[in-house]
């Protein structure tokens, strides 16, 4: 039998959506925030020669694999060297570091486990501080690299470096604040929606470039159809795996309440195959972007003898290269297990089940239940990590075989599909909450003996007189 939430979800229509005024406000706020983000990706930093930088960025002789991925995540802001060129990557890197420290550093681990809401706010504050530091470091490296290139800066010098560092760091902090506002006042997942908007904005240009290559004869029609079919198959596969779950039966014992027996209900504990979601590829990409970008910017500079290995390292950290592929796969698998261990604690779940009288049939409550949950979750995470790694590495294999001209990011497709599904789920939850509020109001009116608004008394009958 379907649950009450499933019945309400099945009965949702455009009429219920039209009445959800709170959801309308959240959607409009989210769209407005994303519009502000897209405008910022077209505002260049002061002192940059936009035309010269675009020609430098699109130089076919350069190695742009990492910059292409960075440009896709930032919605094209890198090729325009806009104020949002760093996007939210420093914030994501800071989140990785704080979460790693919260797992190994005892004071932060205590804040995460026992601090409650105040502990979570304290860790978020540490993440903001670290975001500022990382943004300053990355923007300083970009400013120095641009200042050293001939013709890219109108007036190179110290003032340009200071203004570039200030602009890029301020842009990242503004996007971090904007993402938090979307999470609180919009439809949720603010940081993910910003990355989603950047990827979606770049995809039409990528598709147009593929069609252009096919028209020029640089790519056969068969290869183009193969890429399109592969993209559709990947989307279907992602949707299937993101909805896949293992449902563990939970049994509650019967108990005596007066002259009748109560309890004995059954429920399910759903464990997703991909518990970590889209976080592992984002974390892996952000960690690879930082050293790759630094190595690539210094590859053509006049380096001392002890840094002569940097150009070779920059060449290996490109899409399609074995070193990049191996590091990418290892980081994705690591973050799948790491993030799953943070978001789901088998011991806490087993303790909550024992506290409320629930148990897994055939498994003793307490320690044995925690061990069984960990056993099941580990095997599910193996499947989830293999699925995410396959989706993200398939384009890398195509790049190695066919070249950068056919590159489309598996990480990008995974982010777009996953964020779309999460956003739809958030909208449905707001609609369900609106319908529940309407049902509660109607129940209160009936309980008071009144009629619901918009209804009339039955024909031929008059209301009963009120006794005094």
Protein backbone atom coordinates (compact mmCIF):
# COMPACT_ATOMS: atom_id res chain seq x y z
CA UNK A 1 0.00 0.00 0.00
CA UNK A 2 1.33 3.45 -0.89
CA UNK A 3 2.22 5.82 1.90
CA UNK A 4 0.42 9.10 2.50
CA UNK A 5 3.30 11.03 0.93
CA UNK A 6 3.25 8.82 -2.17
CA UNK A 7 -0.53 9.28 -2.49
CA UNK A 8 -0.17 13.05 -2.24
CA UNK A 9 2.67 13.02 -4.78
CA UNK A 10 0.49 11.03 -7.18
CA UNK A 11 -2.34 13.54 -6.81
CA UNK A 12 -0.19 16.65 -7.35
CA UNK A 13 -1.14 18.71 -10.39
CA UNK A 14 -0.77 22.20 -11.78
CA UNK A 15 -3.63 23.37 -9.57
CA UNK A 16 -1.74 22.49 -6.39
CA UNK A 17 1.39 24.12 -7.82
CA UNK A 18 -0.55 27.33 -8.59
CA UNK A 19 -1.73 27.57 -4.97
CA UNK A 20 1.74 27.12 -3.46
CA UNK A 21 2.65 30.80 -3.16
CA UNK A 22 5.60 30.12 -0.86
CA UNK A 23 7.11 27.82 -3.48
CA UNK A 24 6.63 30.55 -6.12
CA UNK A 25 8.68 32.96 -4.01
CA UNK A 26 11.44 30.39 -3.53
CA UNK A 27 11.61 29.62 -7.25
CA UNK A 28 11.71 33.31 -8.20
CA UNK A 29 14.46 33.96 -5.66
CA UNK A 30 16.48 31.03 -7.02
CA UNK A 31 16.07 32.19 -10.62
CA UNK A 32 17.05 35.74 -9.65
CA UNK A 33 20.18 34.52 -7.85
CA UNK A 34 21.23 32.41 -10.85
CA UNK A 35 20.62 35.39 -13.14
CA UNK A 36 22.95 37.51 -11.01
CA UNK A 37 25.55 34.74 -11.22
CA UNK A 38 25.30 34.57 -15.01
CA UNK A 39 25.68 38.36 -15.33
CA UNK A 40 28.85 38.21 -13.21
CA UNK A 41 30.43 35.67 -15.58
CA UNK A 42 30.41 38.36 -18.31
CA UNK A 43 32.05 41.14 -16.26
CA UNK A 44 35.83 41.06 -16.88
CA UNK A 45 38.33 41.88 -14.17
CA UNK A 46 39.83 45.42 -14.34
CA UNK A 47 42.89 45.90 -16.51
CA UNK A 48 42.57 42.74 -18.60
CA UNK A 49 42.63 42.86 -22.39
CA UNK A 50 39.60 40.66 -23.10
CA UNK A 51 40.27 40.12 -26.80
CA UNK A 52 43.92 39.24 -26.27
CA UNK A 53 43.08 36.86 -23.43
CA UNK A 54 40.35 35.14 -25.48
CA UNK A 55 42.84 34.63 -28.33
CA UNK A 56 45.38 33.28 -25.81
CA UNK A 57 42.80 30.96 -24.24
CA UNK A 58 41.63 29.60 -27.60
CA UNK A 59 45.16 29.02 -28.90
CA UNK A 60 44.97 25.55 -30.51
CA UNK A 61 48.65 24.92 -29.82
CA UNK A 62 48.20 25.21 -26.07
CA UNK A 63 47.24 22.50 -23.63
CA UNK A 64 43.86 23.54 -22.36
CA UNK A 65 42.35 20.34 -21.00
CA UNK A 66 42.33 21.45 -17.36
CA UNK A 67 41.34 25.00 -18.24
CA UNK A 68 38.46 23.65 -20.36
CA UNK A 69 37.13 21.74 -17.34
CA UNK A 70 37.62 24.80 -15.12
CA UNK A 71 35.87 26.94 -17.74
CA UNK A 72 32.90 24.54 -17.87
CA UNK A 73 32.44 24.58 -14.09
CA UNK A 74 32.60 28.39 -14.06
CA UNK A 75 30.06 28.85 -16.86
CA UNK A 76 32.56 30.29 -19.35
CA UNK A 77 33.95 32.84 -16.89
CA UNK A 78 37.54 31.63 -17.35
CA UNK A 79 37.69 32.30 -21.09
CA UNK A 80 36.40 35.82 -20.38
CA UNK A 81 38.52 36.15 -17.19
CA UNK A 82 35.45 37.47 -15.39
CA UNK A 83 35.05 38.39 -11.74
CA UNK A 84 33.57 34.91 -11.08
CA UNK A 85 36.45 33.06 -12.77
CA UNK A 86 37.33 31.17 -9.57
CA UNK A 87 33.67 30.20 -9.11
CA UNK A 88 33.04 28.22 -5.89
CA UNK A 89 36.04 25.90 -6.30
CA UNK A 90 37.94 27.45 -3.33
CA UNK A 91 34.86 26.86 -1.19
CA UNK A 92 34.65 23.22 -2.30
CA UNK A 93 38.35 22.71 -1.60
CA UNK A 94 37.91 24.29 1.84
CA UNK A 95 34.94 22.00 2.53
CA UNK A 96 37.08 18.97 1.66
CA UNK A 97 39.85 20.05 4.03
CA UNK A 98 37.46 20.84 6.90
CA UNK A 99 35.62 17.54 6.53
CA UNK A 100 38.91 15.63 6.44
CA UNK A 101 40.09 17.47 9.54
CA UNK A 102 36.76 16.81 11.27
CA UNK A 103 37.37 13.10 10.78
CA UNK A 104 40.96 13.02 12.12
CA UNK A 105 41.38 16.11 14.36
CA UNK A 106 39.82 15.36 17.79
CA UNK A 107 38.52 18.87 18.68
CA UNK A 108 36.82 19.25 15.30
CA UNK A 109 35.57 15.67 15.45
CA UNK A 110 33.95 16.47 18.78
CA UNK A 111 32.32 19.54 17.24
CA UNK A 112 30.92 17.44 14.40
CA UNK A 113 29.59 14.60 16.55
CA UNK A 114 28.57 16.32 19.79
CA UNK A 115 28.36 20.01 18.98
CA UNK A 116 24.92 19.87 17.42
CA UNK A 117 23.76 22.96 15.55
CA UNK A 118 26.35 25.24 17.19
CA UNK A 119 29.15 22.84 16.29
CA UNK A 120 27.98 22.71 12.68
CA UNK A 121 27.93 26.52 12.52
CA UNK A 122 31.44 26.66 13.95
CA UNK A 123 32.75 24.25 11.31
CA UNK A 124 31.00 26.28 8.61
CA UNK A 125 32.77 29.37 9.91
CA UNK A 126 36.14 27.58 9.66
CA UNK A 127 35.20 26.64 6.08
CA UNK A 128 34.57 30.31 5.23
CA UNK A 129 37.91 31.40 6.69
CA UNK A 130 39.73 28.70 4.74
CA UNK A 131 37.83 29.68 1.58
CA UNK A 132 39.19 33.22 1.87
CA UNK A 133 42.74 31.91 2.28
CA UNK A 134 42.51 29.52 -0.70
CA UNK A 135 40.85 32.16 -2.88
CA UNK A 136 43.65 34.61 -2.05
CA UNK A 137 46.30 32.03 -2.96
CA UNK A 138 44.65 31.00 -6.23
CA UNK A 139 43.85 34.56 -7.30
CA UNK A 140 47.42 35.64 -6.53
CA UNK A 141 48.77 32.84 -8.74
CA UNK A 142 46.40 33.85 -11.55
CA UNK A 143 47.31 37.53 -11.20
CA UNK A 144 51.06 36.85 -11.31
CA UNK A 145 50.62 34.53 -14.31
CA UNK A 146 48.59 37.12 -16.23
CA UNK A 147 50.98 39.91 -15.31
CA UNK A 148 53.91 37.92 -16.74
CA UNK A 149 52.24 37.40 -20.15
CA UNK A 150 52.88 39.99 -22.80
CA UNK A 151 49.83 41.80 -24.19
CA UNK A 152 47.22 40.30 -21.83
CA UNK A 153 47.26 43.21 -19.33
CA UNK A 154 46.81 46.85 -20.27
CA UNK A 155 48.97 48.17 -17.42
CA UNK A 156 50.98 45.36 -15.77
CA UNK A 157 52.37 45.98 -12.33
CA UNK A 158 51.66 45.79 -8.63
CA UNK A 159 48.36 47.63 -8.85
CA UNK A 160 47.02 45.10 -11.37
CA UNK A 161 48.03 42.20 -9.12
CA UNK A 162 46.34 43.74 -6.06
CA UNK A 163 43.14 44.61 -7.94
CA UNK A 164 42.94 41.15 -9.54
CA UNK A 165 43.42 39.37 -6.20
CA UNK A 166 40.75 41.56 -4.59
CA UNK A 167 38.29 41.12 -7.46
CA UNK A 168 38.61 37.34 -7.82
CA UNK A 169 38.52 36.73 -4.06
CA UNK A 170 35.50 39.01 -3.66
CA UNK A 171 33.74 37.20 -6.50
CA UNK A 172 34.25 33.82 -4.83
CA UNK A 173 33.03 35.09 -1.45
CA UNK A 174 29.97 36.65 -3.09
CA UNK A 175 29.13 33.34 -4.80
CA UNK A 176 29.56 31.49 -1.50
CA UNK A 177 27.13 33.91 0.16
CA UNK A 178 24.75 33.65 -2.80
CA UNK A 179 24.76 29.86 -2.57
CA UNK A 180 23.95 29.99 1.14
CA UNK A 181 21.05 32.35 0.43
CA UNK A 182 19.66 30.01 -2.23
CA UNK A 183 19.89 27.13 0.24
CA UNK A 184 18.04 29.08 2.94
CA UNK A 185 15.54 31.11 0.89
CA UNK A 186 15.37 29.22 -2.40
CA UNK A 187 14.79 25.59 -3.31
CA UNK A 188 17.98 24.36 -1.61
CA UNK A 189 21.35 23.02 -2.80
CA UNK A 190 22.65 26.52 -3.51
CA UNK A 191 26.31 25.67 -4.25
CA UNK A 192 25.30 22.72 -6.43
CA UNK A 193 22.84 24.90 -8.36
CA UNK A 194 25.57 27.46 -9.08
CA UNK A 195 27.81 24.76 -10.53
CA UNK A 196 24.78 23.34 -12.39
CA UNK A 197 24.00 26.74 -13.93
CA UNK A 198 27.59 27.13 -15.12
CA UNK A 199 27.65 23.72 -16.78
CA UNK A 200 24.25 24.15 -18.45
CA UNK A 201 25.31 27.56 -19.82
CA UNK A 202 28.39 26.04 -21.51
CA UNK A 203 26.71 22.89 -22.91
CA UNK A 204 24.99 24.63 -25.90
CA UNK A 205 28.34 25.98 -27.08
CA UNK A 206 29.91 22.53 -26.73
CA UNK A 207 27.12 20.95 -28.78
CA UNK A 208 27.43 23.68 -31.43
CA UNK A 209 31.19 23.07 -31.61
CA UNK A 210 30.61 19.35 -32.22
CA UNK A 211 28.16 20.10 -35.05
CA UNK A 212 30.68 22.56 -36.50
CA UNK A 213 33.39 19.89 -36.50
CA UNK A 214 30.98 17.51 -38.27
CA UNK A 215 30.14 20.12 -40.91
CA UNK A 216 33.84 20.86 -41.53
CA UNK A 217 34.57 17.16 -42.04
CA UNK A 218 36.83 16.90 -38.97
CA UNK A 219 34.37 14.48 -37.38
CA UNK A 220 32.27 11.86 -39.12
CA UNK A 221 28.50 11.69 -38.74
CA UNK A 222 28.86 8.23 -37.22
CA UNK A 223 31.07 9.56 -34.41
CA UNK A 224 28.60 12.40 -33.76
CA UNK A 225 25.67 9.96 -33.55
CA UNK A 226 27.72 7.68 -31.32
CA UNK A 227 28.46 10.55 -28.90
CA UNK A 228 24.76 11.56 -28.83
CA UNK A 229 23.61 7.97 -28.18
CA UNK A 230 26.28 7.54 -25.52
CA UNK A 231 25.19 10.74 -23.76
CA UNK A 232 21.54 9.57 -23.70
CA UNK A 233 22.57 6.15 -22.40
CA UNK A 234 24.69 7.75 -19.66
CA UNK A 235 21.78 9.95 -18.57
CA UNK A 236 19.43 6.95 -18.37
CA UNK A 237 22.05 4.96 -16.46
CA UNK A 238 22.63 7.81 -14.01
CA UNK A 239 18.89 8.19 -13.31
CA UNK A 240 18.56 4.43 -12.74
CA UNK A 241 21.53 4.26 -10.36
CA UNK A 242 20.60 7.41 -8.44
CA UNK A 243 17.15 5.97 -7.71
CA UNK A 244 18.48 2.50 -6.83
CA UNK A 245 18.41 1.57 -3.16
CA UNK A 246 18.58 -1.38 -0.79
CA UNK A 247 15.58 -1.50 1.53
CA UNK A 248 16.21 -3.19 4.88
CA UNK A 249 13.13 -4.49 6.70
CA UNK A 250 12.60 -2.95 10.17
CA UNK A 251 10.29 -4.77 12.59
CA UNK A 252 8.76 -3.21 15.70
CA UNK A 253 7.57 -5.56 18.49
CA UNK A 254 3.99 -5.77 19.72
CA UNK A 255 3.18 -4.35 23.13
CA UNK A 256 0.22 -4.39 25.50
CA UNK A 257 -1.67 -1.12 25.87
CA UNK A 258 -4.62 -1.63 28.21
CA UNK A 259 -6.87 -4.32 26.77
CA UNK A 260 -5.44 -4.27 23.25
CA UNK A 261 -2.21 -5.05 21.48
CA UNK A 262 -0.34 -2.24 19.75
CA UNK A 263 2.75 -2.06 17.63
CA UNK A 264 4.03 -4.81 15.41
CA UNK A 265 4.42 -2.48 12.44
CA UNK A 266 6.92 -2.95 9.68
CA UNK A 267 8.92 -0.28 7.89
CA UNK A 268 11.96 -0.06 5.67
CA UNK A 269 15.37 1.56 6.04
CA UNK A 270 16.36 2.71 2.52
CA UNK A 271 20.10 2.68 1.76
CA UNK A 272 21.00 4.35 -1.55
CA UNK A 273 23.49 2.64 -3.80
CA UNK A 274 25.17 6.02 -4.30
CA UNK A 275 25.04 7.44 -0.79
CA UNK A 276 27.74 10.05 -1.49
CA UNK A 277 25.81 11.57 -4.41
CA UNK A 278 27.64 13.94 -6.71
CA UNK A 279 30.16 15.09 -4.10
CA UNK A 280 33.05 12.69 -4.95
CA UNK A 281 33.59 13.81 -8.58
CA UNK A 282 33.26 17.48 -7.57
CA UNK A 283 35.83 17.02 -4.80
CA UNK A 284 38.16 15.06 -7.09
CA UNK A 285 37.90 17.65 -9.87
CA UNK A 286 38.54 20.56 -7.52
CA UNK A 287 41.62 18.90 -6.02
CA UNK A 288 43.04 18.16 -9.47
CA UNK A 289 42.31 21.66 -10.75
CA UNK A 290 44.57 23.47 -8.30
CA UNK A 291 47.94 21.75 -8.99
CA UNK A 292 47.08 21.31 -12.68
CA UNK A 293 46.33 25.00 -13.18
CA UNK A 294 49.48 26.13 -11.36
CA UNK A 295 51.66 23.70 -13.34
CA UNK A 296 50.07 24.70 -16.63
CA UNK A 297 50.49 28.45 -16.00
CA UNK A 298 54.19 28.01 -15.27
CA UNK A 299 54.83 25.52 -18.08
CA UNK A 300 55.90 28.18 -20.60
CA UNK A 301 57.69 30.47 -18.17
CA UNK A 302 61.45 30.84 -17.74
CA UNK A 303 61.93 28.34 -14.93
CA UNK A 304 65.11 27.60 -12.97
CA UNK A 305 66.81 24.25 -13.39
CA UNK A 306 65.29 22.76 -10.23
CA UNK A 307 61.77 23.41 -11.62
CA UNK A 308 62.43 21.98 -15.08
CA UNK A 309 60.07 19.07 -14.34
CA UNK A 310 56.97 21.34 -14.21
CA UNK A 311 56.24 21.37 -17.98
CA UNK A 312 56.29 17.57 -18.08
CA UNK A 313 53.98 17.43 -15.05
CA UNK A 314 51.60 19.89 -16.70
CA UNK A 315 51.52 17.69 -19.79
CA UNK A 316 50.61 14.62 -17.73
CA UNK A 317 47.78 16.39 -15.89
CA UNK A 318 45.68 16.75 -19.03
CA UNK A 319 42.52 14.95 -20.06
CA UNK A 320 43.25 11.60 -21.64
CA UNK A 321 46.66 11.24 -19.99
CA UNK A 322 47.18 8.06 -17.90
CA UNK A 323 48.37 9.95 -14.80
CA UNK A 324 45.32 12.23 -14.81
CA UNK A 325 42.95 9.29 -15.34
CA UNK A 326 44.47 7.21 -12.54
CA UNK A 327 44.52 10.11 -10.05
CA UNK A 328 40.94 11.02 -10.97
CA UNK A 329 39.71 7.45 -10.41
CA UNK A 330 41.57 7.07 -7.10
CA UNK A 331 40.21 10.37 -5.74
CA UNK A 332 36.63 9.54 -6.76
CA UNK A 333 36.76 6.13 -5.05
CA UNK A 334 38.36 7.61 -1.94
CA UNK A 335 35.76 10.36 -1.59
CA UNK A 336 32.90 7.90 -2.18
CA UNK A 337 33.91 5.93 0.90
CA UNK A 338 34.96 8.99 2.89
CA UNK A 339 31.79 11.01 2.33
CA UNK A 340 29.58 7.95 2.93
CA UNK A 341 31.29 7.38 6.29
CA UNK A 342 30.54 11.00 7.22
CA UNK A 343 26.90 11.12 6.15
CA UNK A 344 25.84 7.70 7.47
CA UNK A 345 26.95 6.32 10.84
CA UNK A 346 25.89 2.67 11.34
CA UNK A 347 26.43 2.83 15.11
CA UNK A 348 24.14 5.85 15.55
CA UNK A 349 21.49 4.28 13.31
CA UNK A 350 21.62 1.01 15.25
CA UNK A 351 21.35 2.90 18.56
CA UNK A 352 18.32 4.87 17.34
CA UNK A 353 16.62 1.66 16.22
CA UNK A 354 17.27 0.06 19.61
CA UNK A 355 16.01 3.15 21.42
CA UNK A 356 12.67 3.06 19.60
CA UNK A 357 12.28 -0.72 19.79
CA UNK A 358 13.02 -1.47 16.13
CA UNK A 359 15.20 -4.34 14.97
CA UNK A 360 16.30 -6.12 11.83
CA UNK A 361 14.76 -9.62 11.66
CA UNK A 362 17.42 -12.19 12.51
CA UNK A 363 19.92 -9.56 13.73
CA UNK A 364 20.46 -8.74 17.38
CA UNK A 365 19.97 -5.06 18.30
CA UNK A 366 22.98 -2.92 19.15
CA UNK A 367 26.47 -3.90 18.04
CA UNK A 368 25.40 -6.73 15.73
CA UNK A 369 22.97 -4.43 13.93
CA UNK A 370 25.69 -1.80 13.47
CA UNK A 371 28.05 -4.42 12.04
CA UNK A 372 25.39 -5.65 9.62
CA UNK A 373 24.57 -2.10 8.49
CA UNK A 374 28.26 -1.42 7.93
CA UNK A 375 28.55 -4.70 5.99
CA UNK A 376 25.65 -3.79 3.68
CA UNK A 377 26.71 -0.15 3.29
CA UNK A 378 30.30 -1.06 2.37
CA UNK A 379 29.14 -3.33 -0.45
CA UNK A 380 26.67 -0.75 -1.69
CA UNK A 381 29.44 1.87 -1.68
CA UNK A 382 31.64 -0.42 -3.78
CA UNK A 383 28.89 -0.56 -6.41
CA UNK A 384 28.26 3.20 -6.15
CA UNK A 385 31.96 4.05 -6.44
CA UNK A 386 32.32 1.79 -9.48
CA UNK A 387 29.29 3.43 -11.11
CA UNK A 388 30.51 7.01 -10.55
CA UNK A 389 34.05 6.14 -11.64
CA UNK A 390 32.78 4.53 -14.85
CA UNK A 391 30.57 7.52 -15.70
CA UNK A 392 33.37 10.02 -15.08
CA UNK A 393 36.17 8.06 -16.78
CA UNK A 394 34.32 7.10 -19.95
CA UNK A 395 34.85 10.58 -21.49
CA UNK A 396 38.51 10.41 -20.46
CA UNK A 397 38.89 7.18 -22.44
CA UNK A 398 37.21 8.83 -25.44
CA UNK A 399 39.60 11.78 -25.18
CA UNK A 400 42.57 9.41 -25.14
CA UNK A 401 41.29 7.67 -28.27
CA UNK A 402 39.80 10.55 -30.29
CA UNK A 403 41.33 13.76 -28.95
CA UNK A 404 40.08 16.82 -27.05
CA UNK A 405 37.67 17.81 -29.83
CA UNK A 406 35.10 15.24 -28.68
CA UNK A 407 35.44 15.96 -24.97
CA UNK A 408 32.30 16.08 -22.89
CA UNK A 409 32.60 15.77 -19.15
CA UNK A 410 31.13 12.73 -17.43
CA UNK A 411 31.39 14.73 -14.22
CA UNK A 412 29.36 17.50 -15.83
CA UNK A 413 26.60 15.13 -16.96
CA UNK A 414 26.53 13.51 -13.52
CA UNK A 415 26.23 16.91 -11.82
CA UNK A 416 23.48 18.12 -14.18
CA UNK A 417 21.35 14.97 -13.82
CA UNK A 418 21.85 14.61 -10.05
CA UNK A 419 21.18 18.28 -9.26
CA UNK A 420 18.09 18.22 -11.50
CA UNK A 421 16.73 15.19 -9.63
CA UNK A 422 17.51 16.77 -6.24
CA UNK A 423 15.86 20.06 -7.25
CA UNK A 424 12.72 18.27 -8.44
CA UNK A 425 12.63 16.37 -5.14
CA UNK A 426 12.94 19.68 -3.23
CA UNK A 427 10.06 21.18 -5.23
CA UNK A 428 7.93 18.10 -4.57
CA UNK A 429 8.68 18.30 -0.84
CA UNK A 430 7.53 21.94 -0.77
CA UNK A 431 4.34 20.97 -2.61
CA UNK A 432 3.73 18.13 -0.17
CA UNK A 433 4.24 20.49 2.77
CA UNK A 434 1.75 22.93 1.22
CA UNK A 435 -0.83 20.16 0.74
CA UNK A 436 -0.33 18.90 4.29
CA UNK A 437 -0.95 22.41 5.62
CA UNK A 438 -4.17 22.57 3.59
CA UNK A 439 -5.35 19.22 4.97
CA UNK A 440 -4.57 20.30 8.54
CA UNK A 441 -6.57 23.52 8.12
CA UNK A 442 -9.55 21.60 6.74
CA UNK A 443 -9.36 19.12 9.61
CA UNK A 444 -9.36 21.94 12.16
CA UNK A 445 -12.39 23.53 10.53
CA UNK A 446 -14.27 20.24 10.59
CA UNK A 447 -13.30 19.69 14.20
CA UNK A 448 -14.85 23.04 15.13
CA UNK A 449 -18.10 22.11 13.40
CA UNK A 450 -17.63 24.69 10.64
CA UNK A 451 -17.55 24.28 6.90
CA UNK A 452 -14.49 24.58 4.75
CA UNK A 453 -14.24 27.81 2.77
CA UNK A 454 -16.10 27.78 -0.53
CA UNK A 455 -18.72 25.21 0.50
CA UNK A 456 -22.44 25.83 0.94
CA UNK A 457 -25.05 24.36 3.25
CA UNK A 458 -27.04 21.43 1.73
CA UNK A 459 -30.11 22.53 -0.22
CA UNK A 460 -33.42 22.36 1.65
CA UNK A 461 -31.84 22.44 5.07
CA UNK A 462 -31.19 25.30 7.44
CA UNK A 463 -28.45 25.39 10.01
CA UNK A 464 -29.44 24.10 13.45
CA UNK A 465 -30.21 26.82 16.00
CA UNK A 466 -27.65 27.54 18.64
CA UNK A 467 -28.79 26.61 22.13
CA UNK A 468 -28.31 29.18 24.83
